[in-house]
Amino acid sequence: MKVIPHINSILLKTSLYYSHMKNNKWYFTTSSIIFTVVAIAHLGRILLVLPASVAGYDIPLWVSGIAVLLAGYLATRGFMEAHKLG
């Protein structure tokens, strides 16, 4: 009875999974579009000074500023990866 799977089997499955994800241009493009929409929504909240609250707590505008930077970075990196895959 094997309790721990063979390490080569784990490494092979992991490498096959990541090689498939690396070559998936559709995945990078779709996720980048979603991150772009999120960044635009947070930027709109900042520009229009819209209030936001979660479970009764007010969310300050600087949180949206961080979200714009983070989502914008992820969108940019995703589009760059998709472009790199051709």
C-alpha atoms as a PDB file:
ATOM      1  CA  MET A   1       0.000   0.000   0.000  1.00  0.00           C
ATOM      2  CA  LYS A   2       1.441   3.350  -1.067  1.00  0.00           C
ATOM      3  CA  VAL A   3       0.583   6.233   1.191  1.00  0.00           C
ATOM      4  CA  ILE A   4       2.765   8.850  -0.516  1.00  0.00           C
ATOM      5  CA  PRO A   5       2.571   9.001  -4.326  1.00  0.00           C
ATOM      6  CA  HIS A   6       5.798   8.761  -6.248  1.00  0.00           C
ATOM      7  CA  ILE A   7       7.498  12.171  -6.574  1.00  0.00           C
ATOM      8  CA  ASN A   8       8.115  11.800 -10.318  1.00  0.00           C
ATOM      9  CA  SER A   9       4.398  11.307 -10.883  1.00  0.00           C
ATOM     10  CA  ILE A  10       3.632  14.524  -9.002  1.00  0.00           C
ATOM     11  CA  LEU A  11       6.277  16.485 -10.904  1.00  0.00           C
ATOM     12  CA  LEU A  12       5.049  15.159 -14.258  1.00  0.00           C
ATOM     13  CA  LYS A  13       1.423  16.088 -13.518  1.00  0.00           C
ATOM     14  CA  THR A  14       2.444  19.553 -12.302  1.00  0.00           C
ATOM     15  CA  SER A  15       4.633  20.264 -15.330  1.00  0.00           C
ATOM     16  CA  LEU A  16       1.907  19.103 -17.732  1.00  0.00           C
ATOM     17  CA  TYR A  17      -0.628  21.350 -16.023  1.00  0.00           C
ATOM     18  CA  TYR A  18       1.580  24.425 -16.136  1.00  0.00           C
ATOM     19  CA  SER A  19       2.770  23.826 -19.692  1.00  0.00           C
ATOM     20  CA  HIS A  20      -0.883  23.697 -20.752  1.00  0.00           C
ATOM     21  CA  MET A  21      -1.652  26.941 -18.906  1.00  0.00           C
ATOM     22  CA  LYS A  22       1.408  28.674 -20.339  1.00  0.00           C
ATOM     23  CA  ASN A  23       0.246  28.013 -23.879  1.00  0.00           C
ATOM     24  CA  ASN A  24      -3.307  29.183 -23.327  1.00  0.00           C
ATOM     25  CA  LYS A  25      -3.615  32.607 -24.967  1.00  0.00           C
ATOM     26  CA  TRP A  26      -7.381  32.636 -24.432  1.00  0.00           C
ATOM     27  CA  TYR A  27      -6.942  32.356 -20.657  1.00  0.00           C
ATOM     28  CA  PHE A  28      -4.549  35.315 -20.466  1.00  0.00           C
ATOM     29  CA  THR A  29      -6.716  37.482 -22.709  1.00  0.00           C
ATOM     30  CA  THR A  30      -9.951  36.739 -20.843  1.00  0.00           C
ATOM     31  CA  SER A  31      -8.485  37.298 -17.398  1.00  0.00           C
ATOM     32  CA  SER A  32      -6.852  40.523 -18.597  1.00  0.00           C
ATOM     33  CA  ILE A  33     -10.178  41.834 -19.864  1.00  0.00           C
ATOM     34  CA  ILE A  34     -11.781  41.064 -16.490  1.00  0.00           C
ATOM     35  CA  PHE A  35      -8.947  42.821 -14.614  1.00  0.00           C
ATOM     36  CA  THR A  36      -9.291  45.808 -16.961  1.00  0.00           C
ATOM     37  CA  VAL A  37     -13.022  46.085 -16.194  1.00  0.00           C
ATOM     38  CA  VAL A  38     -12.292  45.915 -12.450  1.00  0.00           C
ATOM     39  CA  ALA A  39      -9.610  48.618 -12.746  1.00  0.00           C
ATOM     40  CA  ILE A  40     -11.952  50.891 -14.733  1.00  0.00           C
ATOM     41  CA  ALA A  41     -14.744  50.372 -12.185  1.00  0.00           C
ATOM     42  CA  HIS A  42     -12.476  51.346  -9.292  1.00  0.00           C
ATOM     43  CA  LEU A  43     -11.113  54.310 -11.233  1.00  0.00           C
ATOM     44  CA  GLY A  44     -14.702  55.436 -11.862  1.00  0.00           C
ATOM     45  CA  ARG A  45     -15.410  55.185  -8.142  1.00  0.00           C
ATOM     46  CA  ILE A  46     -12.417  57.436  -7.439  1.00  0.00           C
ATOM     47  CA  LEU A  47     -13.253  60.006 -10.125  1.00  0.00           C
ATOM     48  CA  LEU A  48     -16.942  60.199  -9.179  1.00  0.00           C
ATOM     49  CA  VAL A  49     -16.195  59.994  -5.427  1.00  0.00           C
ATOM     50  CA  LEU A  50     -18.783  57.259  -4.961  1.00  0.00           C
ATOM     51  CA  PRO A  51     -19.295  55.790  -1.507  1.00  0.00           C
ATOM     52  CA  ALA A  52     -18.833  52.073  -0.924  1.00  0.00           C
ATOM     53  CA  SER A  53     -19.555  49.953   2.110  1.00  0.00           C
ATOM     54  CA  VAL A  54     -19.182  46.283   2.922  1.00  0.00           C
ATOM     55  CA  ALA A  55     -21.111  44.779   5.831  1.00  0.00           C
ATOM     56  CA  GLY A  56     -21.767  48.240   7.230  1.00  0.00           C
ATOM     57  CA  TYR A  57     -18.139  49.414   7.018  1.00  0.00           C
ATOM     58  CA  ASP A  58     -17.292  52.352   4.761  1.00  0.00           C
ATOM     59  CA  ILE A  59     -14.470  51.623   2.323  1.00  0.00           C
ATOM     60  CA  PRO A  60     -12.090  54.577   1.831  1.00  0.00           C
ATOM     61  CA  LEU A  61     -11.183  55.773  -1.662  1.00  0.00           C
ATOM     62  CA  TRP A  62      -7.513  54.852  -1.207  1.00  0.00           C
ATOM     63  CA  VAL A  63      -8.546  51.180  -1.215  1.00  0.00           C
ATOM     64  CA  SER A  64      -9.870  51.706  -4.740  1.00  0.00           C
ATOM     65  CA  GLY A  65      -6.581  53.379  -5.624  1.00  0.00           C
ATOM     66  CA  ILE A  66      -4.714  50.244  -4.611  1.00  0.00           C
ATOM     67  CA  ALA A  67      -7.244  48.132  -6.524  1.00  0.00           C
ATOM     68  CA  VAL A  68      -6.682  50.250  -9.673  1.00  0.00           C
ATOM     69  CA  LEU A  69      -2.931  49.727  -9.446  1.00  0.00           C
ATOM     70  CA  LEU A  70      -3.159  46.005  -8.726  1.00  0.00           C
ATOM     71  CA  ALA A  71      -5.837  45.206 -11.326  1.00  0.00           C
ATOM     72  CA  GLY A  72      -4.103  47.402 -13.894  1.00  0.00           C
ATOM     73  CA  TYR A  73      -0.805  45.608 -13.307  1.00  0.00           C
ATOM     74  CA  LEU A  74      -2.419  42.173 -13.609  1.00  0.00           C
ATOM     75  CA  ALA A  75      -4.256  43.201 -16.786  1.00  0.00           C
ATOM     76  CA  THR A  76      -1.057  44.560 -18.327  1.00  0.00           C
ATOM     77  CA  ARG A  77       0.927  41.425 -17.475  1.00  0.00           C
ATOM     78  CA  GLY A  78      -1.835  39.212 -18.852  1.00  0.00           C
ATOM     79  CA  PHE A  79      -2.015  41.093 -22.149  1.00  0.00           C
ATOM     80  CA  MET A  80       1.784  40.947 -22.412  1.00  0.00           C
ATOM     81  CA  GLU A  81       1.770  37.171 -21.878  1.00  0.00           C
ATOM     82  CA  ALA A  82      -1.014  36.710 -24.435  1.00  0.00           C
ATOM     83  CA  HIS A  83       0.910  38.826 -26.934  1.00  0.00           C
ATOM     84  CA  LYS A  84       4.075  36.832 -26.266  1.00  0.00           C
ATOM     85  CA  LEU A  85       2.227  33.615 -27.146  1.00  0.00           C
ATOM     86  CA  GLY A  86       1.359  35.118 -30.491  1.00  0.00           C
END
